[in-house]
């Protein structure tokens, strides 16, 4: 192989490795509640009970809480996220629930909606109400939760995020004892692209080692 061909091969491998390694998780939406609720709205574009408060465990940090309990969604992203069919996404957030919540019923809930409110998909909650996975813990500590799905979801590819401090049956529940922070939607890297990137970078190192001898 001529020196010109060698240089071309190495250049191609470097290019493949560069672009493939770029197939990383990309943020679609980020919210840390440090400023305001300008990215959020209530049902049908109306009022909501979401409020920004100081983190009960870290007063220097701002978080989302609620001035009243609700059901069928309370606060929704104004923007609708048009997801790519077949692409996988993750939704992650931090949740703090106080022990004063009614066990197995009230507390925070997180989901997706076609509109606000629209058709719902509750994915995480403090109970299995409306099909939510009952995983949110009301123990007075922050926990991080991640939900992965592939578009289109059961409610379609254009979605809004929604959160609430659930109003337990009969209107019972403790308002202001559920907190959310650091909400993100990100794309999930395609495994094949990451593998191609690894192969490309590996071959680049191989050719460099060969040229050293």
N, C-alpha and C. Protein backbone atom coordinates (compact mmCIF):
# COMPACT_ATOMS: atom_id res chain seq x y z
N UNK A 1 0.86 -1.19 0.00
CA UNK A 1 0.00 0.00 0.00
C UNK A 1 0.89 1.24 0.00
N UNK A 2 0.59 2.21 -0.86
CA UNK A 2 1.40 3.42 -0.94
C UNK A 2 1.14 4.28 0.28
N UNK A 3 2.08 5.24 0.51
CA UNK A 3 1.89 6.16 1.63
C UNK A 3 0.63 6.98 1.45
N UNK A 4 0.29 7.32 0.20
CA UNK A 4 -0.91 8.12 -0.05
C UNK A 4 -2.15 7.35 0.36
N UNK A 5 -2.22 6.06 0.00
CA UNK A 5 -3.38 5.24 0.35
C UNK A 5 -3.48 5.08 1.86
N UNK A 6 -2.33 4.91 2.51
CA UNK A 6 -2.35 4.78 3.97
C UNK A 6 -2.93 6.02 4.63
N UNK A 7 -2.47 7.18 4.16
CA UNK A 7 -2.97 8.41 4.75
C UNK A 7 -4.46 8.58 4.51
N UNK A 8 -4.94 8.19 3.30
CA UNK A 8 -6.36 8.27 3.00
C UNK A 8 -7.16 7.35 3.90
N UNK A 9 -6.67 6.12 4.11
CA UNK A 9 -7.38 5.16 4.95
C UNK A 9 -7.49 5.66 6.37
N UNK A 10 -6.38 6.20 6.88
CA UNK A 10 -6.40 6.71 8.24
C UNK A 10 -7.36 7.87 8.36
N UNK A 11 -7.35 8.74 7.35
CA UNK A 11 -8.24 9.88 7.37
C UNK A 11 -9.69 9.47 7.37
N UNK A 12 -10.04 8.44 6.57
CA UNK A 12 -11.41 7.95 6.52
C UNK A 12 -11.82 7.38 7.86
N UNK A 13 -10.92 6.60 8.49
CA UNK A 13 -11.25 6.00 9.78
C UNK A 13 -11.45 7.07 10.83
N UNK A 14 -10.58 8.08 10.84
CA UNK A 14 -10.72 9.17 11.80
C UNK A 14 -12.05 9.87 11.61
N UNK A 15 -12.46 10.08 10.34
CA UNK A 15 -13.72 10.76 10.05
C UNK A 15 -14.90 9.93 10.54
N UNK A 16 -14.86 8.60 10.27
CA UNK A 16 -15.93 7.73 10.73
C UNK A 16 -16.00 7.74 12.25
N UNK A 17 -14.83 7.64 12.89
CA UNK A 17 -14.81 7.64 14.34
C UNK A 17 -15.32 8.93 14.92
N UNK A 18 -14.98 10.06 14.29
CA UNK A 18 -15.39 11.37 14.79
C UNK A 18 -16.89 11.52 14.76
N UNK A 19 -17.49 11.24 13.59
CA UNK A 19 -18.93 11.44 13.47
C UNK A 19 -19.71 10.41 14.26
N UNK A 20 -19.22 9.16 14.33
CA UNK A 20 -19.94 8.13 15.06
C UNK A 20 -19.87 8.38 16.55
N UNK A 21 -18.70 8.83 17.02
CA UNK A 21 -18.57 9.11 18.43
C UNK A 21 -19.47 10.26 18.84
N UNK A 22 -19.91 11.06 17.86
CA UNK A 22 -20.81 12.17 18.16
C UNK A 22 -22.22 11.73 18.41
N UNK A 23 -22.50 10.42 18.22
CA UNK A 23 -23.86 9.91 18.45
C UNK A 23 -24.08 9.71 19.94
N UNK A 24 -24.18 10.81 20.64
CA UNK A 24 -24.34 10.76 22.09
C UNK A 24 -25.74 11.27 22.44
N UNK A 25 -26.09 11.14 23.71
CA UNK A 25 -27.40 11.60 24.16
C UNK A 25 -27.49 13.12 24.00
N UNK A 26 -28.52 13.57 23.29
CA UNK A 26 -28.72 15.00 23.06
C UNK A 26 -29.92 15.48 23.84
N UNK A 27 -29.79 16.58 24.58
CA UNK A 27 -30.93 17.10 25.32
C UNK A 27 -31.99 17.69 24.40
N UNK A 28 -33.23 17.32 24.63
CA UNK A 28 -34.37 17.89 23.92
C UNK A 28 -35.02 18.98 24.76
N UNK A 29 -34.97 18.81 26.08
CA UNK A 29 -35.59 19.77 27.00
C UNK A 29 -34.88 19.67 28.34
N UNK A 30 -34.62 20.83 28.94
CA UNK A 30 -33.99 20.89 30.27
C UNK A 30 -34.72 21.95 31.10
N UNK A 31 -35.01 21.61 32.35
CA UNK A 31 -35.63 22.57 33.27
C UNK A 31 -35.10 22.34 34.67
N UNK A 32 -34.52 23.41 35.28
CA UNK A 32 -34.02 23.28 36.64
C UNK A 32 -34.75 24.20 37.62
N UNK A 33 -35.74 24.97 37.15
CA UNK A 33 -36.60 25.80 37.99
C UNK A 33 -35.84 26.87 38.77
N UNK A 34 -34.71 27.30 38.26
CA UNK A 34 -33.94 28.32 38.95
C UNK A 34 -34.48 29.73 38.71
N UNK A 35 -35.28 29.92 37.67
CA UNK A 35 -35.73 31.29 37.36
C UNK A 35 -37.25 31.42 37.48
N UNK A 36 -37.99 30.86 36.52
CA UNK A 36 -39.44 31.05 36.52
C UNK A 36 -40.11 29.83 35.90
N UNK A 37 -41.43 29.95 35.69
CA UNK A 37 -42.21 28.85 35.11
C UNK A 37 -42.71 29.24 33.72
N UNK A 38 -41.89 30.00 32.99
CA UNK A 38 -42.31 30.48 31.68
C UNK A 38 -42.44 29.37 30.64
N UNK A 39 -41.89 28.19 30.91
CA UNK A 39 -42.00 27.07 29.98
C UNK A 39 -43.22 26.18 30.28
N UNK A 40 -44.04 26.61 31.23
CA UNK A 40 -45.11 25.74 31.72
C UNK A 40 -46.46 26.44 31.68
N UNK A 41 -47.52 25.63 31.62
CA UNK A 41 -48.88 26.15 31.63
C UNK A 41 -49.78 25.18 32.37
N UNK A 42 -51.04 25.59 32.57
CA UNK A 42 -52.01 24.73 33.23
C UNK A 42 -52.92 24.06 32.21
N UNK A 43 -53.96 23.42 32.70
CA UNK A 43 -54.89 22.73 31.81
C UNK A 43 -55.53 23.71 30.84
N UNK A 44 -55.57 23.29 29.58
CA UNK A 44 -56.18 24.11 28.52
C UNK A 44 -55.56 25.51 28.44
N UNK A 45 -54.29 25.61 28.85
CA UNK A 45 -53.62 26.89 28.80
C UNK A 45 -53.99 27.83 29.92
N UNK A 46 -54.66 27.32 30.96
CA UNK A 46 -55.11 28.17 32.06
C UNK A 46 -54.17 28.14 33.25
N UNK A 47 -54.73 28.42 34.43
CA UNK A 47 -53.93 28.49 35.65
C UNK A 47 -53.48 27.10 36.08
N UNK A 48 -52.42 27.08 36.87
CA UNK A 48 -51.93 25.84 37.46
C UNK A 48 -51.51 26.13 38.89
N UNK A 49 -51.18 25.06 39.62
CA UNK A 49 -50.79 25.19 41.02
C UNK A 49 -49.28 25.07 41.24
N UNK A 50 -48.52 25.06 40.14
CA UNK A 50 -47.08 24.96 40.26
C UNK A 50 -46.47 26.24 40.82
N UNK A 51 -45.51 26.09 41.71
CA UNK A 51 -44.81 27.24 42.28
C UNK A 51 -43.32 26.89 42.42
N UNK A 52 -42.48 27.89 42.33
CA UNK A 52 -41.05 27.69 42.57
C UNK A 52 -40.77 28.03 44.03
N UNK A 53 -40.11 27.10 44.73
CA UNK A 53 -39.79 27.28 46.15
C UNK A 53 -38.34 26.88 46.38
N UNK A 54 -37.83 27.24 47.54
CA UNK A 54 -36.49 26.82 47.92
C UNK A 54 -36.49 25.33 48.24
N UNK A 55 -35.45 24.66 47.81
CA UNK A 55 -35.26 23.24 48.11
C UNK A 55 -35.26 23.05 49.64
N UNK A 56 -36.14 22.21 50.18
CA UNK A 56 -36.18 22.00 51.63
C UNK A 56 -34.87 21.47 52.21
N UNK A 57 -34.08 20.78 51.39
CA UNK A 57 -32.82 20.21 51.87
C UNK A 57 -31.61 21.02 51.48
N UNK A 58 -31.81 21.99 50.58
CA UNK A 58 -30.70 22.83 50.11
C UNK A 58 -31.26 24.18 49.72
N UNK A 59 -31.42 25.10 50.65
CA UNK A 59 -32.10 26.37 50.39
C UNK A 59 -31.49 27.20 49.27
N UNK A 60 -30.27 26.93 48.87
CA UNK A 60 -29.67 27.67 47.77
C UNK A 60 -30.14 27.20 46.41
N UNK A 61 -30.97 26.18 46.36
CA UNK A 61 -31.47 25.61 45.11
C UNK A 61 -32.97 25.82 45.03
N UNK A 62 -33.47 26.16 43.83
CA UNK A 62 -34.91 26.30 43.62
C UNK A 62 -35.48 25.05 42.97
N UNK A 63 -36.72 24.72 43.34
CA UNK A 63 -37.37 23.51 42.83
C UNK A 63 -38.85 23.79 42.58
N UNK A 64 -39.50 22.85 41.91
CA UNK A 64 -40.94 22.94 41.66
C UNK A 64 -41.72 22.30 42.79
N UNK A 65 -42.73 23.00 43.28
CA UNK A 65 -43.69 22.41 44.21
C UNK A 65 -45.08 22.88 43.81
N UNK A 66 -46.07 22.67 44.67
CA UNK A 66 -47.45 22.95 44.30
C UNK A 66 -48.18 23.61 45.47
N UNK A 67 -49.03 24.59 45.14
CA UNK A 67 -49.80 25.29 46.17
C UNK A 67 -51.11 24.57 46.48
N UNK A 68 -51.47 23.59 45.67
CA UNK A 68 -52.70 22.82 45.89
C UNK A 68 -52.54 21.48 45.19
N UNK A 69 -53.30 20.49 45.65
CA UNK A 69 -53.28 19.19 44.98
C UNK A 69 -54.19 19.24 43.75
N UNK A 70 -54.02 18.27 42.85
CA UNK A 70 -54.79 18.25 41.61
C UNK A 70 -54.87 16.82 41.10
N UNK A 71 -55.63 16.63 40.05
CA UNK A 71 -55.70 15.35 39.37
C UNK A 71 -55.85 15.60 37.87
N UNK A 72 -55.58 14.58 37.07
CA UNK A 72 -55.62 14.68 35.60
C UNK A 72 -54.63 15.70 35.06
N UNK A 73 -53.52 15.86 35.78
CA UNK A 73 -52.48 16.79 35.35
C UNK A 73 -52.67 18.17 35.94
N UNK A 74 -51.57 18.81 36.26
CA UNK A 74 -51.62 20.16 36.84
C UNK A 74 -50.78 21.13 36.03
N UNK A 75 -49.49 20.82 35.88
CA UNK A 75 -48.59 21.71 35.16
C UNK A 75 -48.01 20.97 33.96
N UNK A 76 -48.04 21.63 32.79
CA UNK A 76 -47.66 21.01 31.52
C UNK A 76 -46.63 21.89 30.81
N UNK A 77 -45.72 21.27 30.07
CA UNK A 77 -44.83 22.08 29.24
C UNK A 77 -45.66 22.75 28.15
N UNK A 78 -45.39 24.04 27.92
CA UNK A 78 -46.08 24.74 26.83
C UNK A 78 -45.67 24.14 25.49
N UNK A 79 -44.40 23.88 25.35
CA UNK A 79 -43.90 23.31 24.09
C UNK A 79 -44.33 21.86 23.96
N UNK A 80 -44.66 21.49 22.73
CA UNK A 80 -44.90 20.09 22.41
C UNK A 80 -43.64 19.55 21.77
N UNK A 81 -43.17 18.41 22.20
CA UNK A 81 -41.94 17.84 21.69
C UNK A 81 -42.28 16.83 20.59
N UNK A 82 -41.91 17.17 19.36
CA UNK A 82 -42.18 16.31 18.21
C UNK A 82 -41.04 15.30 18.10
N UNK A 83 -41.30 14.10 18.55
CA UNK A 83 -40.29 13.06 18.63
C UNK A 83 -40.19 12.29 17.31
N UNK A 84 -39.02 11.76 17.04
CA UNK A 84 -38.77 11.02 15.81
C UNK A 84 -39.21 9.57 16.00
N UNK A 85 -40.09 9.10 15.13
CA UNK A 85 -40.59 7.73 15.24
C UNK A 85 -39.43 6.74 15.21
N UNK A 86 -39.45 5.79 16.14
CA UNK A 86 -38.39 4.78 16.22
C UNK A 86 -37.21 5.20 17.07
N UNK A 87 -37.09 6.49 17.39
CA UNK A 87 -36.00 6.97 18.23
C UNK A 87 -36.34 6.74 19.71
N UNK A 88 -35.36 6.32 20.48
CA UNK A 88 -35.56 6.13 21.91
C UNK A 88 -35.19 7.40 22.66
N UNK A 89 -35.93 7.67 23.72
CA UNK A 89 -35.72 8.85 24.54
C UNK A 89 -35.76 8.47 26.02
N UNK A 90 -35.14 9.30 26.84
CA UNK A 90 -35.27 9.14 28.28
C UNK A 90 -35.81 10.44 28.88
N UNK A 91 -36.63 10.30 29.89
CA UNK A 91 -37.08 11.42 30.70
C UNK A 91 -36.53 11.17 32.10
N UNK A 92 -35.81 12.14 32.63
CA UNK A 92 -35.27 11.98 33.98
C UNK A 92 -35.64 13.20 34.81
N UNK A 93 -35.76 12.99 36.11
CA UNK A 93 -36.06 14.08 37.03
C UNK A 93 -35.71 13.65 38.45
N UNK A 94 -35.55 14.66 39.31
CA UNK A 94 -35.35 14.40 40.73
C UNK A 94 -36.68 14.63 41.44
N UNK A 95 -36.96 13.78 42.43
CA UNK A 95 -38.22 13.88 43.18
C UNK A 95 -37.94 13.79 44.67
N UNK A 96 -38.58 14.69 45.41
CA UNK A 96 -38.54 14.68 46.87
C UNK A 96 -39.98 14.69 47.38
N UNK A 97 -40.35 13.64 48.10
CA UNK A 97 -41.68 13.56 48.70
C UNK A 97 -41.56 13.48 50.20
N UNK A 98 -42.32 14.29 50.90
CA UNK A 98 -42.27 14.30 52.36
C UNK A 98 -43.09 13.15 52.94
N UNK A 99 -42.67 12.60 54.07
CA UNK A 99 -43.39 11.47 54.68
C UNK A 99 -44.82 11.80 55.10
N UNK A 100 -45.18 13.09 55.13
CA UNK A 100 -46.53 13.46 55.53
C UNK A 100 -47.58 13.13 54.47
N UNK A 101 -47.13 12.73 53.27
CA UNK A 101 -48.09 12.34 52.24
C UNK A 101 -48.85 11.09 52.69
N UNK A 102 -50.06 10.93 52.15
CA UNK A 102 -50.87 9.76 52.48
C UNK A 102 -50.24 8.54 51.81
N UNK A 103 -49.81 7.53 52.56
CA UNK A 103 -49.14 6.37 51.96
C UNK A 103 -50.00 5.70 50.89
N UNK A 104 -49.36 5.41 49.75
CA UNK A 104 -50.04 4.68 48.69
C UNK A 104 -51.05 5.48 47.91
N UNK A 105 -51.06 6.79 48.05
CA UNK A 105 -52.07 7.55 47.33
C UNK A 105 -51.59 8.88 46.80
N UNK A 106 -51.44 9.86 47.68
CA UNK A 106 -51.11 11.21 47.23
C UNK A 106 -49.62 11.31 46.91
N UNK A 107 -49.18 12.55 46.65
CA UNK A 107 -47.77 12.75 46.32
C UNK A 107 -47.59 13.04 44.85
N UNK A 108 -46.33 13.06 44.42
CA UNK A 108 -46.02 13.46 43.05
C UNK A 108 -46.36 12.41 42.01
N UNK A 109 -46.75 12.90 40.83
CA UNK A 109 -46.98 12.05 39.66
C UNK A 109 -46.35 12.73 38.45
N UNK A 110 -45.82 11.92 37.54
CA UNK A 110 -45.18 12.43 36.32
C UNK A 110 -45.71 11.67 35.12
N UNK A 111 -45.93 12.37 34.02
CA UNK A 111 -46.47 11.69 32.84
C UNK A 111 -46.28 12.48 31.56
N UNK A 112 -46.89 11.94 30.50
CA UNK A 112 -46.90 12.56 29.18
C UNK A 112 -48.34 12.84 28.79
N UNK A 113 -48.53 13.86 27.96
CA UNK A 113 -49.86 14.22 27.52
C UNK A 113 -49.82 14.68 26.08
N UNK A 114 -50.90 14.41 25.33
CA UNK A 114 -50.98 14.88 23.95
C UNK A 114 -51.14 16.39 23.90
N UNK A 115 -51.85 16.93 24.83
CA UNK A 115 -52.06 18.38 24.90
C UNK A 115 -52.05 18.73 26.37
N UNK A 116 -52.83 19.73 26.76
CA UNK A 116 -52.97 19.99 28.18
C UNK A 116 -54.43 20.30 28.49
N UNK A 117 -55.17 19.25 28.97
CA UNK A 117 -54.64 17.96 29.39
C UNK A 117 -54.50 16.92 28.27
N UNK A 118 -55.42 16.80 27.35
CA UNK A 118 -55.26 15.79 26.29
C UNK A 118 -55.29 14.37 26.82
N UNK A 119 -54.83 13.43 26.00
CA UNK A 119 -54.76 12.03 26.40
C UNK A 119 -53.52 11.81 27.24
N UNK A 120 -53.67 11.14 28.37
CA UNK A 120 -52.60 11.00 29.35
C UNK A 120 -51.87 9.66 29.27
N UNK A 121 -50.62 9.71 29.69
CA UNK A 121 -49.86 8.50 29.98
C UNK A 121 -49.06 8.79 31.25
N UNK A 122 -49.54 8.30 32.38
CA UNK A 122 -48.80 8.47 33.63
C UNK A 122 -47.76 7.37 33.72
N UNK A 123 -46.50 7.75 33.86
CA UNK A 123 -45.47 6.70 33.90
C UNK A 123 -44.89 6.48 35.29
N UNK A 124 -44.81 7.52 36.15
CA UNK A 124 -44.31 7.33 37.51
C UNK A 124 -45.23 8.04 38.50
N UNK A 125 -45.45 7.41 39.66
CA UNK A 125 -46.26 8.02 40.70
C UNK A 125 -45.95 7.40 42.04
N UNK A 126 -46.64 7.88 43.08
CA UNK A 126 -46.48 7.30 44.41
C UNK A 126 -47.43 6.12 44.61
N UNK A 127 -48.31 5.89 43.65
CA UNK A 127 -49.19 4.72 43.65
C UNK A 127 -49.44 4.32 42.21
N UNK A 128 -50.20 3.24 42.00
CA UNK A 128 -50.46 2.74 40.65
C UNK A 128 -51.70 3.38 40.03
N UNK A 129 -52.14 4.51 40.58
CA UNK A 129 -53.31 5.20 40.03
C UNK A 129 -53.11 5.53 38.56
N UNK A 130 -54.12 5.26 37.75
CA UNK A 130 -54.10 5.55 36.30
C UNK A 130 -52.97 4.84 35.57
N UNK A 131 -52.50 3.73 36.13
CA UNK A 131 -51.49 2.91 35.45
C UNK A 131 -50.07 3.32 35.68
N UNK A 132 -49.83 4.29 36.56
CA UNK A 132 -48.46 4.73 36.84
C UNK A 132 -47.68 3.63 37.56
N UNK A 133 -46.37 3.60 37.31
CA UNK A 133 -45.50 2.70 38.07
C UNK A 133 -45.32 3.30 39.47
N UNK A 134 -45.68 2.58 40.53
CA UNK A 134 -45.66 3.15 41.89
C UNK A 134 -44.27 3.15 42.49
N UNK A 135 -43.40 4.02 41.98
CA UNK A 135 -42.00 3.98 42.38
C UNK A 135 -41.53 5.25 43.10
N UNK A 136 -42.29 6.35 43.04
CA UNK A 136 -41.85 7.58 43.68
C UNK A 136 -41.96 7.44 45.20
N UNK A 137 -40.87 7.73 45.90
CA UNK A 137 -40.77 7.46 47.33
C UNK A 137 -40.94 8.75 48.13
N UNK A 138 -41.83 8.73 49.09
CA UNK A 138 -42.05 9.87 49.99
C UNK A 138 -41.30 9.63 51.30
N UNK A 139 -39.99 9.79 51.27
CA UNK A 139 -39.20 9.52 52.47
C UNK A 139 -38.38 10.72 52.92
N UNK A 140 -38.67 11.90 52.34
CA UNK A 140 -37.95 13.09 52.75
C UNK A 140 -36.57 13.23 52.16
N UNK A 141 -36.24 12.44 51.14
CA UNK A 141 -34.95 12.50 50.48
C UNK A 141 -35.13 12.64 48.97
N UNK A 142 -34.14 13.25 48.32
CA UNK A 142 -34.17 13.35 46.86
C UNK A 142 -33.80 12.02 46.22
N UNK A 143 -34.53 11.66 45.18
CA UNK A 143 -34.22 10.48 44.38
C UNK A 143 -34.32 10.86 42.90
N UNK A 144 -33.48 10.25 42.08
CA UNK A 144 -33.50 10.49 40.64
C UNK A 144 -34.20 9.32 39.95
N UNK A 145 -35.10 9.66 39.03
CA UNK A 145 -35.87 8.64 38.30
C UNK A 145 -35.68 8.85 36.81
N UNK A 146 -35.63 7.75 36.07
CA UNK A 146 -35.45 7.81 34.62
C UNK A 146 -36.45 6.88 33.95
N UNK A 147 -37.12 7.41 32.94
CA UNK A 147 -38.12 6.65 32.18
C UNK A 147 -37.68 6.64 30.72
N UNK A 148 -37.59 5.46 30.11
CA UNK A 148 -37.17 5.35 28.71
C UNK A 148 -38.32 4.85 27.86
N UNK A 149 -38.45 5.41 26.67
CA UNK A 149 -39.51 4.98 25.77
C UNK A 149 -39.06 5.23 24.33
N UNK A 150 -39.75 4.60 23.40
CA UNK A 150 -39.47 4.77 21.98
C UNK A 150 -40.66 5.45 21.32
N UNK A 151 -40.39 6.50 20.57
CA UNK A 151 -41.46 7.20 19.85
C UNK A 151 -41.90 6.38 18.64
N UNK A 152 -43.21 6.39 18.28
CA UNK A 152 -44.25 7.11 19.01
C UNK A 152 -44.66 6.38 20.28
N UNK A 153 -44.99 7.15 21.31
CA UNK A 153 -45.50 6.58 22.54
C UNK A 153 -46.94 6.15 22.29
N UNK A 154 -47.59 5.50 23.26
CA UNK A 154 -49.00 5.16 23.09
C UNK A 154 -49.90 6.35 22.82
N UNK A 155 -49.42 7.57 23.09
CA UNK A 155 -50.25 8.75 22.84
C UNK A 155 -49.72 9.56 21.65
N UNK A 156 -48.74 9.00 20.92
CA UNK A 156 -48.25 9.70 19.73
C UNK A 156 -46.85 10.24 19.91
N UNK A 157 -46.38 10.98 18.89
CA UNK A 157 -45.01 11.47 18.88
C UNK A 157 -44.90 12.94 19.26
N UNK A 158 -46.02 13.63 19.38
CA UNK A 158 -46.01 15.02 19.83
C UNK A 158 -46.53 15.05 21.26
N UNK A 159 -45.63 15.33 22.21
CA UNK A 159 -46.00 15.17 23.62
C UNK A 159 -45.68 16.42 24.43
N UNK A 160 -46.33 16.53 25.56
CA UNK A 160 -46.02 17.50 26.60
C UNK A 160 -45.68 16.72 27.86
N UNK A 161 -44.77 17.25 28.67
CA UNK A 161 -44.55 16.68 29.99
C UNK A 161 -45.60 17.23 30.95
N UNK A 162 -46.00 16.43 31.91
CA UNK A 162 -46.96 16.91 32.91
C UNK A 162 -46.60 16.36 34.28
N UNK A 163 -46.85 17.19 35.29
CA UNK A 163 -46.56 16.84 36.68
C UNK A 163 -47.71 17.32 37.56
N UNK A 164 -47.83 16.68 38.73
CA UNK A 164 -48.86 17.12 39.67
C UNK A 164 -48.53 16.62 41.07
N UNK A 165 -49.13 17.26 42.05
CA UNK A 165 -49.20 16.77 43.42
C UNK A 165 -50.61 16.20 43.54
N UNK A 166 -50.72 14.89 43.48
CA UNK A 166 -52.00 14.23 43.27
C UNK A 166 -52.99 14.48 44.40
N UNK A 167 -54.21 14.78 44.01
CA UNK A 167 -55.31 14.93 44.97
C UNK A 167 -55.90 13.55 45.20
N UNK A 168 -55.66 13.01 46.38
CA UNK A 168 -56.11 11.67 46.71
C UNK A 168 -57.64 11.60 46.70
N UNK A 169 -58.16 10.40 46.59
CA UNK A 169 -59.61 10.19 46.52
C UNK A 169 -60.33 10.91 47.66
N UNK A 170 -61.37 11.65 47.30
CA UNK A 170 -62.10 12.41 48.29
C UNK A 170 -61.49 13.76 48.58
N UNK A 171 -60.45 14.13 47.80
CA UNK A 171 -59.83 15.44 47.97
C UNK A 171 -58.76 15.49 49.03
N UNK A 172 -58.45 14.33 49.64
CA UNK A 172 -57.40 14.31 50.66
C UNK A 172 -56.03 14.42 50.01
N UNK A 173 -55.08 14.86 50.75
CA UNK A 173 -53.72 15.01 50.24
C UNK A 173 -53.07 16.22 50.87
N UNK A 174 -51.76 16.25 50.84
CA UNK A 174 -51.00 17.34 51.45
C UNK A 174 -50.35 18.16 50.35
N UNK A 175 -50.83 19.37 50.13
CA UNK A 175 -50.25 20.23 49.10
C UNK A 175 -48.90 20.74 49.55
N UNK A 176 -47.98 20.86 48.61
CA UNK A 176 -46.68 21.44 48.91
C UNK A 176 -45.69 20.48 49.51
N UNK A 177 -46.00 19.19 49.54
CA UNK A 177 -45.08 18.20 50.08
C UNK A 177 -44.46 17.33 49.00
N UNK A 178 -44.64 17.72 47.74
CA UNK A 178 -44.03 17.02 46.61
C UNK A 178 -43.20 18.03 45.83
N UNK A 179 -41.97 17.64 45.49
CA UNK A 179 -41.03 18.56 44.84
C UNK A 179 -40.36 17.86 43.65
N UNK A 180 -40.16 18.62 42.57
CA UNK A 180 -39.48 18.11 41.38
C UNK A 180 -38.34 19.05 41.00
N UNK A 181 -37.31 18.49 40.39
CA UNK A 181 -36.19 19.31 39.92
C UNK A 181 -35.44 18.58 38.81
N UNK A 182 -34.63 19.35 38.07
CA UNK A 182 -33.70 18.81 37.06
C UNK A 182 -34.40 17.87 36.08
N UNK A 183 -35.44 18.38 35.44
CA UNK A 183 -36.20 17.60 34.46
C UNK A 183 -35.50 17.66 33.10
N UNK A 184 -35.35 16.52 32.47
CA UNK A 184 -34.70 16.47 31.16
C UNK A 184 -35.36 15.44 30.25
N UNK A 185 -35.44 15.76 28.96
CA UNK A 185 -35.71 14.78 27.91
C UNK A 185 -34.45 14.71 27.07
N UNK A 186 -33.93 13.51 26.84
CA UNK A 186 -32.74 13.35 26.01
C UNK A 186 -32.95 12.19 25.04
N UNK A 187 -32.26 12.26 23.91
CA UNK A 187 -32.27 11.14 22.98
C UNK A 187 -31.33 10.07 23.48
N UNK A 188 -31.64 8.83 23.16
CA UNK A 188 -30.78 7.70 23.53
C UNK A 188 -29.90 7.38 22.32
N UNK A 189 -28.57 7.34 22.49
CA UNK A 189 -27.69 7.03 21.36
C UNK A 189 -28.04 5.69 20.73
N UNK A 190 -27.91 5.61 19.41
CA UNK A 190 -28.15 4.37 18.69
C UNK A 190 -26.96 3.44 18.95
N UNK A 191 -27.18 2.23 19.48
CA UNK A 191 -26.05 1.34 19.82
C UNK A 191 -25.13 1.07 18.65
N UNK A 192 -25.69 0.90 17.45
CA UNK A 192 -24.86 0.62 16.28
C UNK A 192 -23.92 1.75 15.96
N UNK A 193 -24.40 2.99 16.15
CA UNK A 193 -23.55 4.14 15.86
C UNK A 193 -22.40 4.22 16.86
N UNK A 194 -22.69 3.93 18.13
CA UNK A 194 -21.65 3.96 19.13
C UNK A 194 -20.62 2.87 18.87
N UNK A 195 -21.08 1.69 18.44
CA UNK A 195 -20.17 0.60 18.12
C UNK A 195 -19.28 0.98 16.95
N UNK A 196 -19.87 1.59 15.91
CA UNK A 196 -19.10 2.03 14.75
C UNK A 196 -18.05 3.05 15.17
N UNK A 197 -18.43 3.94 16.08
CA UNK A 197 -17.47 4.93 16.56
C UNK A 197 -16.31 4.27 17.28
N UNK A 198 -16.60 3.25 18.09
CA UNK A 198 -15.55 2.55 18.82
C UNK A 198 -14.62 1.83 17.86
N UNK A 199 -15.21 1.19 16.84
CA UNK A 199 -14.39 0.49 15.85
C UNK A 199 -13.50 1.49 15.12
N UNK A 200 -14.08 2.62 14.73
CA UNK A 200 -13.31 3.63 14.01
C UNK A 200 -12.14 4.14 14.82
N UNK A 201 -12.39 4.45 16.09
CA UNK A 201 -11.31 4.95 16.94
C UNK A 201 -10.27 3.86 17.19
N UNK A 202 -10.72 2.61 17.30
CA UNK A 202 -9.78 1.51 17.50
C UNK A 202 -8.88 1.31 16.30
N UNK A 203 -9.45 1.38 15.10
CA UNK A 203 -8.65 1.22 13.88
C UNK A 203 -7.67 2.37 13.72
N UNK A 204 -8.08 3.57 14.12
CA UNK A 204 -7.17 4.71 14.05
C UNK A 204 -5.93 4.44 14.90
N UNK A 205 -6.14 3.93 16.11
CA UNK A 205 -5.00 3.61 16.96
C UNK A 205 -4.14 2.51 16.37
N UNK A 206 -4.77 1.54 15.70
CA UNK A 206 -4.03 0.43 15.09
C UNK A 206 -3.10 0.93 14.00
N UNK A 207 -3.63 1.79 13.11
CA UNK A 207 -2.81 2.31 12.03
C UNK A 207 -1.67 3.17 12.57
N UNK A 208 -1.94 3.92 13.62
CA UNK A 208 -0.88 4.75 14.21
C UNK A 208 0.23 3.89 14.78
N UNK A 209 -0.15 2.78 15.43
CA UNK A 209 0.87 1.87 15.98
C UNK A 209 1.69 1.26 14.86
N UNK A 210 1.04 0.89 13.76
CA UNK A 210 1.76 0.31 12.63
C UNK A 210 2.77 1.28 12.06
N UNK A 211 2.36 2.54 11.93
CA UNK A 211 3.24 3.54 11.33
C UNK A 211 4.43 3.84 12.24
N UNK A 212 4.31 3.50 13.53
CA UNK A 212 5.40 3.80 14.47
C UNK A 212 6.55 2.83 14.32
N UNK A 213 6.31 1.68 13.64
CA UNK A 213 7.37 0.67 13.49
C UNK A 213 8.08 0.84 12.15
